Amino acid sequence: MDCIEDDSAVLILSGGEVRKLGDENFPFTPSANFLYFTGLDKPNEILLLAKSGNEVTETLFIEPFDEEKAKWVGPVILPDEA
């Protein structure tokens, strides 16, 4: 964050799943930068780093929990776990 100008923000996306056939996806591989900063390997997540003066804030955006979807695709990360 030392290289980022004051009053600036950085968005780092985990990436999305790539469709293989019908309802099948290729194995998901997150963005290397997203994985480095968060340690998370889930699709469709966003990390926002904002710098204002000497203060840096980090905000992680994750998909909302959907109980029905979790039955089919497996568990998702919950806010407490993130």
N, C-alpha and C. Protein backbone atom coordinates (compact mmCIF):
# COMPACT_ATOMS: atom_id res chain seq x y z
N MET A 1 0.83 -1.20 0.00
CA MET A 1 0.00 0.00 0.00
C MET A 1 0.86 1.26 0.00
N ASP A 2 2.16 1.10 0.27
CA ASP A 2 3.05 2.26 0.22
C ASP A 2 3.13 2.86 -1.18
N CYS A 3 2.93 2.06 -2.20
CA CYS A 3 3.02 2.53 -3.59
C CYS A 3 1.73 3.17 -4.09
N ILE A 4 0.65 3.05 -3.32
CA ILE A 4 -0.65 3.58 -3.73
C ILE A 4 -0.78 5.02 -3.24
N GLU A 5 -1.25 5.91 -4.11
CA GLU A 5 -1.44 7.32 -3.74
C GLU A 5 -2.54 7.45 -2.70
N ASP A 6 -2.47 8.53 -1.90
CA ASP A 6 -3.52 8.81 -0.92
C ASP A 6 -4.86 8.99 -1.63
N ASP A 7 -5.93 8.67 -0.90
CA ASP A 7 -7.29 8.77 -1.41
C ASP A 7 -7.48 7.93 -2.68
N SER A 8 -6.91 6.72 -2.64
CA SER A 8 -7.03 5.79 -3.76
C SER A 8 -7.58 4.46 -3.26
N ALA A 9 -8.02 3.64 -4.20
CA ALA A 9 -8.54 2.32 -3.86
C ALA A 9 -8.03 1.30 -4.86
N VAL A 10 -7.95 0.06 -4.39
CA VAL A 10 -7.53 -1.06 -5.23
C VAL A 10 -8.60 -2.15 -5.10
N LEU A 11 -9.07 -2.65 -6.22
CA LEU A 11 -10.01 -3.77 -6.25
C LEU A 11 -9.28 -5.00 -6.74
N ILE A 12 -9.41 -6.09 -6.01
CA ILE A 12 -8.81 -7.35 -6.43
C ILE A 12 -9.93 -8.39 -6.49
N LEU A 13 -10.13 -8.95 -7.67
CA LEU A 13 -11.21 -9.91 -7.89
C LEU A 13 -10.68 -11.33 -7.81
N SER A 14 -11.49 -12.23 -7.25
CA SER A 14 -11.08 -13.63 -7.19
C SER A 14 -11.23 -14.30 -8.55
N GLY A 15 -12.15 -13.83 -9.36
CA GLY A 15 -12.42 -14.42 -10.67
C GLY A 15 -13.71 -15.21 -10.61
N GLY A 16 -14.11 -15.71 -11.75
CA GLY A 16 -15.35 -16.47 -11.82
C GLY A 16 -15.10 -17.86 -12.36
N GLU A 17 -16.10 -18.70 -12.19
CA GLU A 17 -16.00 -20.06 -12.71
C GLU A 17 -16.23 -20.05 -14.23
N VAL A 18 -15.54 -20.97 -14.91
CA VAL A 18 -15.69 -21.10 -16.35
C VAL A 18 -16.53 -22.33 -16.64
N ARG A 19 -17.58 -22.12 -17.42
CA ARG A 19 -18.52 -23.20 -17.75
C ARG A 19 -17.86 -24.19 -18.70
N LYS A 20 -18.03 -25.48 -18.40
CA LYS A 20 -17.50 -26.55 -19.23
C LYS A 20 -18.59 -27.07 -20.16
N LEU A 21 -19.62 -27.64 -19.57
CA LEU A 21 -20.77 -28.15 -20.31
C LEU A 21 -22.02 -27.96 -19.45
N GLY A 22 -23.12 -27.60 -20.05
CA GLY A 22 -24.39 -27.52 -19.34
C GLY A 22 -24.29 -26.96 -17.93
N ASP A 23 -24.29 -27.85 -16.94
CA ASP A 23 -24.23 -27.42 -15.55
C ASP A 23 -22.90 -27.80 -14.89
N GLU A 24 -21.88 -28.03 -15.69
CA GLU A 24 -20.57 -28.43 -15.18
C GLU A 24 -19.55 -27.32 -15.44
N ASN A 25 -18.71 -27.05 -14.43
CA ASN A 25 -17.68 -26.03 -14.54
C ASN A 25 -16.29 -26.66 -14.50
N PHE A 26 -15.32 -25.98 -15.09
CA PHE A 26 -13.93 -26.37 -14.93
C PHE A 26 -13.54 -26.13 -13.47
N PRO A 27 -12.52 -26.81 -12.96
CA PRO A 27 -12.07 -26.53 -11.59
C PRO A 27 -11.68 -25.05 -11.46
N PHE A 28 -12.10 -24.44 -10.36
CA PHE A 28 -11.85 -23.01 -10.17
C PHE A 28 -10.46 -22.75 -9.61
N THR A 29 -9.79 -21.78 -10.20
CA THR A 29 -8.50 -21.32 -9.71
C THR A 29 -8.62 -19.80 -9.50
N PRO A 30 -8.45 -19.31 -8.26
CA PRO A 30 -8.60 -17.87 -8.02
C PRO A 30 -7.42 -17.08 -8.57
N SER A 31 -7.63 -15.80 -8.70
CA SER A 31 -6.55 -14.90 -9.06
C SER A 31 -5.42 -15.06 -8.04
N ALA A 32 -4.19 -15.11 -8.51
CA ALA A 32 -3.05 -15.28 -7.61
C ALA A 32 -2.96 -14.13 -6.61
N ASN A 33 -3.25 -12.90 -7.05
CA ASN A 33 -3.20 -11.76 -6.14
C ASN A 33 -4.28 -11.86 -5.06
N PHE A 34 -5.49 -12.26 -5.46
CA PHE A 34 -6.57 -12.41 -4.49
C PHE A 34 -6.23 -13.48 -3.47
N LEU A 35 -5.72 -14.60 -3.93
CA LEU A 35 -5.34 -15.70 -3.03
C LEU A 35 -4.24 -15.25 -2.07
N TYR A 36 -3.27 -14.49 -2.56
CA TYR A 36 -2.17 -14.00 -1.73
C TYR A 36 -2.68 -13.10 -0.61
N PHE A 37 -3.56 -12.16 -0.95
CA PHE A 37 -4.03 -11.19 0.04
C PHE A 37 -5.07 -11.75 1.00
N THR A 38 -5.86 -12.74 0.57
CA THR A 38 -6.95 -13.22 1.41
C THR A 38 -6.80 -14.66 1.90
N GLY A 39 -6.11 -15.48 1.13
CA GLY A 39 -6.02 -16.91 1.45
C GLY A 39 -7.28 -17.66 1.09
N LEU A 40 -8.22 -17.01 0.40
CA LEU A 40 -9.50 -17.62 0.03
C LEU A 40 -9.47 -18.09 -1.42
N ASP A 41 -10.13 -19.20 -1.69
CA ASP A 41 -10.13 -19.74 -3.05
C ASP A 41 -11.54 -19.96 -3.58
N LYS A 42 -12.43 -19.03 -3.32
CA LYS A 42 -13.83 -19.11 -3.77
C LYS A 42 -14.05 -18.12 -4.91
N PRO A 43 -14.94 -18.47 -5.86
CA PRO A 43 -15.22 -17.55 -6.97
C PRO A 43 -16.13 -16.40 -6.56
N ASN A 44 -16.13 -15.37 -7.37
CA ASN A 44 -17.06 -14.23 -7.26
C ASN A 44 -16.90 -13.45 -5.95
N GLU A 45 -15.68 -13.30 -5.49
CA GLU A 45 -15.42 -12.49 -4.30
C GLU A 45 -14.56 -11.30 -4.70
N ILE A 46 -14.64 -10.24 -3.91
CA ILE A 46 -13.92 -9.00 -4.22
C ILE A 46 -13.27 -8.48 -2.95
N LEU A 47 -12.01 -8.07 -3.06
CA LEU A 47 -11.31 -7.41 -1.96
C LEU A 47 -11.10 -5.96 -2.35
N LEU A 48 -11.54 -5.05 -1.47
CA LEU A 48 -11.36 -3.62 -1.68
C LEU A 48 -10.37 -3.11 -0.65
N LEU A 49 -9.28 -2.53 -1.12
CA LEU A 49 -8.28 -1.89 -0.26
C LEU A 49 -8.35 -0.40 -0.54
N ALA A 50 -8.59 0.40 0.48
CA ALA A 50 -8.71 1.84 0.31
C ALA A 50 -7.70 2.54 1.21
N LYS A 51 -7.07 3.58 0.68
CA LYS A 51 -6.05 4.32 1.43
C LYS A 51 -6.44 5.79 1.50
N SER A 52 -6.44 6.30 2.73
CA SER A 52 -6.71 7.71 2.97
C SER A 52 -5.73 8.19 4.02
N GLY A 53 -4.74 8.95 3.59
CA GLY A 53 -3.69 9.36 4.51
C GLY A 53 -2.89 8.15 4.95
N ASN A 54 -2.74 7.97 6.25
CA ASN A 54 -2.03 6.81 6.79
C ASN A 54 -2.97 5.66 7.12
N GLU A 55 -4.26 5.82 6.84
CA GLU A 55 -5.25 4.80 7.18
C GLU A 55 -5.57 3.94 5.96
N VAL A 56 -5.50 2.63 6.16
CA VAL A 56 -5.85 1.67 5.12
C VAL A 56 -7.02 0.83 5.61
N THR A 57 -8.05 0.74 4.79
CA THR A 57 -9.20 -0.10 5.16
C THR A 57 -9.30 -1.25 4.16
N GLU A 58 -9.72 -2.40 4.67
CA GLU A 58 -9.89 -3.59 3.85
C GLU A 58 -11.34 -4.04 3.97
N THR A 59 -11.99 -4.27 2.83
CA THR A 59 -13.36 -4.75 2.82
C THR A 59 -13.44 -5.94 1.89
N LEU A 60 -14.02 -7.04 2.38
CA LEU A 60 -14.17 -8.24 1.58
C LEU A 60 -15.64 -8.44 1.24
N PHE A 61 -15.94 -8.54 -0.03
CA PHE A 61 -17.31 -8.78 -0.50
C PHE A 61 -17.42 -10.24 -0.90
N ILE A 62 -18.36 -10.96 -0.28
CA ILE A 62 -18.58 -12.36 -0.59
C ILE A 62 -20.03 -12.56 -1.00
N GLU A 63 -20.31 -13.69 -1.65
CA GLU A 63 -21.68 -13.97 -2.06
C GLU A 63 -22.54 -14.22 -0.83
N PRO A 64 -23.78 -13.77 -0.86
CA PRO A 64 -24.68 -14.05 0.27
C PRO A 64 -24.96 -15.54 0.37
N PHE A 65 -25.20 -16.01 1.58
CA PHE A 65 -25.47 -17.43 1.79
C PHE A 65 -26.82 -17.79 1.22
N ASP A 66 -26.86 -18.85 0.43
CA ASP A 66 -28.09 -19.36 -0.15
C ASP A 66 -28.18 -20.84 0.21
N GLU A 67 -29.07 -21.17 1.13
CA GLU A 67 -29.17 -22.54 1.63
C GLU A 67 -29.46 -23.53 0.52
N GLU A 68 -30.33 -23.17 -0.41
CA GLU A 68 -30.68 -24.06 -1.51
C GLU A 68 -29.48 -24.32 -2.42
N LYS A 69 -28.73 -23.28 -2.74
CA LYS A 69 -27.55 -23.43 -3.58
C LYS A 69 -26.49 -24.28 -2.88
N ALA A 70 -26.33 -24.10 -1.58
CA ALA A 70 -25.33 -24.85 -0.82
C ALA A 70 -25.60 -26.34 -0.86
N LYS A 71 -26.86 -26.74 -0.97
CA LYS A 71 -27.20 -28.16 -1.08
C LYS A 71 -26.63 -28.78 -2.34
N TRP A 72 -26.55 -27.98 -3.41
CA TRP A 72 -26.13 -28.51 -4.71
C TRP A 72 -24.66 -28.32 -5.00
N VAL A 73 -24.10 -27.20 -4.59
CA VAL A 73 -22.70 -26.92 -4.95
C VAL A 73 -21.74 -27.04 -3.77
N GLY A 74 -22.27 -27.31 -2.59
CA GLY A 74 -21.41 -27.46 -1.42
C GLY A 74 -21.39 -26.20 -0.59
N PRO A 75 -20.70 -26.27 0.55
CA PRO A 75 -20.69 -25.13 1.48
C PRO A 75 -19.97 -23.92 0.87
N VAL A 76 -20.43 -22.77 1.30
CA VAL A 76 -19.79 -21.51 0.90
C VAL A 76 -19.20 -20.88 2.14
N ILE A 77 -18.38 -19.89 1.94
CA ILE A 77 -17.77 -19.20 3.08
C ILE A 77 -18.78 -18.23 3.69
N LEU A 78 -18.85 -18.24 4.99
CA LEU A 78 -19.75 -17.35 5.73
C LEU A 78 -18.98 -16.13 6.21
N PRO A 79 -19.66 -15.01 6.48
CA PRO A 79 -18.96 -13.80 6.92
C PRO A 79 -18.02 -14.01 8.11
N ASP A 80 -18.44 -14.81 9.10
CA ASP A 80 -17.59 -15.07 10.26
C ASP A 80 -16.30 -15.81 9.87
N GLU A 81 -16.41 -16.69 8.90
CA GLU A 81 -15.25 -17.46 8.45
C GLU A 81 -14.30 -16.62 7.61
N ALA A 82 -14.86 -15.67 6.87
CA ALA A 82 -14.03 -14.82 6.01
C ALA A 82 -13.16 -13.92 6.86
